[in-house]
N, C-alpha and C. Protein backbone atom coordinates (compact mmCIF):
# COMPACT_ATOMS: atom_id res chain seq x y z
N MET A 1 26.73 195.88 105.95
CA MET A 1 27.62 194.77 105.68
C MET A 1 28.80 194.85 106.65
N THR A 2 29.16 193.72 107.17
CA THR A 2 30.27 193.61 108.11
C THR A 2 31.46 192.96 107.40
N THR A 3 32.66 193.32 107.82
CA THR A 3 33.85 192.66 107.29
C THR A 3 34.61 192.02 108.45
N MET A 4 35.40 191.04 108.11
CA MET A 4 36.24 190.37 109.10
C MET A 4 37.56 189.99 108.46
N LEU A 5 38.54 189.75 109.27
CA LEU A 5 39.87 189.34 108.82
C LEU A 5 40.06 187.87 109.16
N SER A 6 40.43 187.07 108.17
CA SER A 6 40.60 185.63 108.40
C SER A 6 41.84 185.34 109.23
N ARG A 7 41.76 184.23 109.94
CA ARG A 7 42.92 183.70 110.67
C ARG A 7 43.39 182.46 109.94
N ASP A 8 44.64 182.11 110.09
CA ASP A 8 45.19 180.94 109.42
C ASP A 8 44.40 179.70 109.81
N GLY A 9 43.88 178.99 108.82
CA GLY A 9 43.15 177.75 109.07
C GLY A 9 41.64 177.92 109.13
N ASP A 10 41.13 179.14 108.96
CA ASP A 10 39.68 179.34 108.96
C ASP A 10 39.04 178.61 107.78
N LEU A 11 37.83 178.13 107.99
CA LEU A 11 37.04 177.47 106.96
C LEU A 11 35.81 178.33 106.68
N VAL A 12 35.38 178.40 105.43
CA VAL A 12 34.23 179.23 105.07
C VAL A 12 32.97 178.82 105.85
N PRO A 13 32.59 177.54 105.92
CA PRO A 13 31.40 177.19 106.71
C PRO A 13 31.53 177.58 108.18
N GLN A 14 32.72 177.45 108.72
CA GLN A 14 32.97 177.82 110.12
C GLN A 14 32.77 179.33 110.30
N LEU A 15 33.30 180.14 109.40
CA LEU A 15 33.14 181.59 109.49
C LEU A 15 31.67 181.98 109.39
N LEU A 16 30.95 181.35 108.46
CA LEU A 16 29.53 181.65 108.30
C LEU A 16 28.74 181.29 109.56
N TRP A 17 29.03 180.13 110.12
CA TRP A 17 28.31 179.69 111.31
C TRP A 17 28.58 180.61 112.50
N LEU A 18 29.83 180.96 112.70
CA LEU A 18 30.18 181.80 113.84
C LEU A 18 29.67 183.24 113.69
N SER A 19 29.63 183.74 112.47
CA SER A 19 29.24 185.14 112.28
C SER A 19 27.75 185.30 111.99
N LEU A 20 27.13 184.36 111.27
CA LEU A 20 25.73 184.50 110.86
C LEU A 20 24.80 183.48 111.50
N GLY A 21 25.37 182.44 112.11
CA GLY A 21 24.53 181.41 112.69
C GLY A 21 23.94 180.46 111.66
N ARG A 22 24.52 180.45 110.48
CA ARG A 22 24.07 179.53 109.43
C ARG A 22 25.21 179.26 108.47
N ASP A 23 25.21 178.07 107.89
CA ASP A 23 26.27 177.71 106.93
C ASP A 23 25.70 176.92 105.76
N ASP A 24 24.49 177.30 105.36
CA ASP A 24 23.81 176.61 104.27
C ASP A 24 24.32 177.12 102.91
N ASP A 25 23.82 176.51 101.84
CA ASP A 25 24.26 176.84 100.48
C ASP A 25 23.98 178.30 100.12
N GLU A 26 22.83 178.83 100.53
CA GLU A 26 22.47 180.22 100.23
C GLU A 26 23.47 181.19 100.86
N ALA A 27 23.84 180.93 102.10
CA ALA A 27 24.80 181.79 102.79
C ALA A 27 26.18 181.70 102.14
N GLU A 28 26.59 180.50 101.77
CA GLU A 28 27.89 180.31 101.15
C GLU A 28 27.94 180.99 99.77
N GLU A 29 26.88 180.86 99.01
CA GLU A 29 26.83 181.50 97.70
C GLU A 29 26.88 183.02 97.82
N ALA A 30 26.15 183.57 98.79
CA ALA A 30 26.15 185.02 99.00
C ALA A 30 27.54 185.50 99.42
N LEU A 31 28.23 184.73 100.24
CA LEU A 31 29.58 185.09 100.67
C LEU A 31 30.54 185.13 99.48
N TYR A 32 30.48 184.11 98.63
CA TYR A 32 31.37 184.08 97.47
C TYR A 32 31.02 185.17 96.45
N MET A 33 29.74 185.55 96.35
CA MET A 33 29.35 186.63 95.45
C MET A 33 29.93 187.97 95.92
N LEU A 34 29.97 188.17 97.23
CA LEU A 34 30.52 189.41 97.79
C LEU A 34 32.04 189.44 97.77
N ASN A 35 32.66 188.29 97.69
CA ASN A 35 34.11 188.17 97.78
C ASN A 35 34.67 187.41 96.58
N PRO A 36 34.66 188.04 95.39
CA PRO A 36 35.19 187.34 94.22
C PRO A 36 36.66 186.96 94.42
N GLY A 37 36.99 185.74 94.04
CA GLY A 37 38.36 185.25 94.17
C GLY A 37 38.61 184.51 95.47
N LEU A 38 37.67 184.55 96.41
CA LEU A 38 37.85 183.86 97.68
C LEU A 38 37.97 182.35 97.48
N GLU A 39 37.27 181.83 96.48
CA GLU A 39 37.30 180.38 96.23
C GLU A 39 38.67 179.91 95.76
N LEU A 40 39.49 180.82 95.29
CA LEU A 40 40.83 180.45 94.82
C LEU A 40 41.76 180.01 95.96
N TYR A 41 41.41 180.38 97.19
CA TYR A 41 42.23 179.99 98.35
C TYR A 41 42.00 178.54 98.76
N GLY A 42 40.92 177.94 98.28
CA GLY A 42 40.63 176.56 98.66
C GLY A 42 39.83 176.49 99.94
N PRO A 43 39.68 175.29 100.49
CA PRO A 43 38.82 175.12 101.66
C PRO A 43 39.38 175.71 102.95
N VAL A 44 40.69 175.80 103.06
CA VAL A 44 41.32 176.34 104.27
C VAL A 44 41.93 177.69 103.93
N LEU A 45 41.44 178.73 104.59
CA LEU A 45 41.89 180.09 104.28
C LEU A 45 43.17 180.45 105.02
N PRO A 46 44.03 181.23 104.38
CA PRO A 46 45.21 181.75 105.07
C PRO A 46 44.83 182.96 105.93
N ALA A 47 45.74 183.40 106.73
CA ALA A 47 45.50 184.57 107.59
C ALA A 47 45.56 185.86 106.77
N GLY A 48 44.80 186.85 107.22
CA GLY A 48 44.91 188.19 106.66
C GLY A 48 44.02 188.53 105.49
N ILE A 49 43.03 187.69 105.17
CA ILE A 49 42.12 188.00 104.07
C ILE A 49 40.93 188.78 104.64
N THR A 50 40.64 189.93 104.05
CA THR A 50 39.47 190.70 104.45
C THR A 50 38.26 190.09 103.75
N ILE A 51 37.28 189.69 104.54
CA ILE A 51 36.09 189.01 104.03
C ILE A 51 34.86 189.83 104.36
N LYS A 52 34.07 190.13 103.33
CA LYS A 52 32.80 190.83 103.52
C LYS A 52 31.74 189.78 103.83
N LEU A 53 30.98 190.01 104.90
CA LEU A 53 29.93 189.07 105.29
C LEU A 53 28.59 189.54 104.76
N PRO A 54 27.80 188.65 104.16
CA PRO A 54 26.50 189.05 103.63
C PRO A 54 25.49 189.28 104.75
N VAL A 55 24.48 190.07 104.44
CA VAL A 55 23.34 190.26 105.34
C VAL A 55 22.23 189.37 104.81
N LEU A 56 21.86 188.38 105.60
CA LEU A 56 20.86 187.40 105.17
C LEU A 56 19.77 187.28 106.22
N PRO A 57 18.55 186.95 105.77
CA PRO A 57 17.49 186.72 106.75
C PRO A 57 17.76 185.46 107.55
N GLU A 58 17.24 185.44 108.75
CA GLU A 58 17.39 184.27 109.60
C GLU A 58 16.56 183.12 109.03
N LEU A 59 17.10 181.93 109.07
CA LEU A 59 16.36 180.76 108.58
C LEU A 59 15.27 180.37 109.57
N MET A 60 14.14 179.98 109.02
CA MET A 60 13.06 179.48 109.86
C MET A 60 13.39 178.05 110.26
N PRO A 61 13.19 177.71 111.53
CA PRO A 61 13.47 176.33 111.94
C PRO A 61 12.51 175.37 111.25
N THR A 62 13.02 174.23 110.90
CA THR A 62 12.18 173.23 110.25
C THR A 62 11.83 172.14 111.25
N THR A 63 10.65 171.62 111.11
CA THR A 63 10.19 170.55 111.98
C THR A 63 10.42 169.22 111.27
N VAL A 64 11.04 168.31 111.96
CA VAL A 64 11.29 166.99 111.40
C VAL A 64 10.20 166.05 111.93
N VAL A 65 9.51 165.41 111.01
CA VAL A 65 8.44 164.50 111.38
C VAL A 65 8.89 163.09 111.03
N ASN A 66 8.89 162.23 112.01
CA ASN A 66 9.24 160.84 111.80
C ASN A 66 7.95 160.05 111.67
N ILE A 67 7.69 159.53 110.49
CA ILE A 67 6.42 158.82 110.27
C ILE A 67 6.40 157.45 110.94
N TRP A 68 7.52 157.01 111.47
CA TRP A 68 7.56 155.67 112.07
C TRP A 68 7.28 155.70 113.57
N ASP A 69 7.13 156.86 114.15
CA ASP A 69 6.80 156.92 115.58
C ASP A 69 5.33 156.84 115.84
């Protein structure tokens, strides 16, 4: 497990995307489970919060099929 220190104005989806390459619901839920009370800061995090990053499997790419082509 990796930890990081937030900067003023960081957003949870932004942190997940930059550190894990994904910002889906599963990643966000895992982050909040590892960091109880993080949700109390709201959508924009202040500086200086130590955040534990979850270890998650890489998402498989999905193929989008357009039936109208």
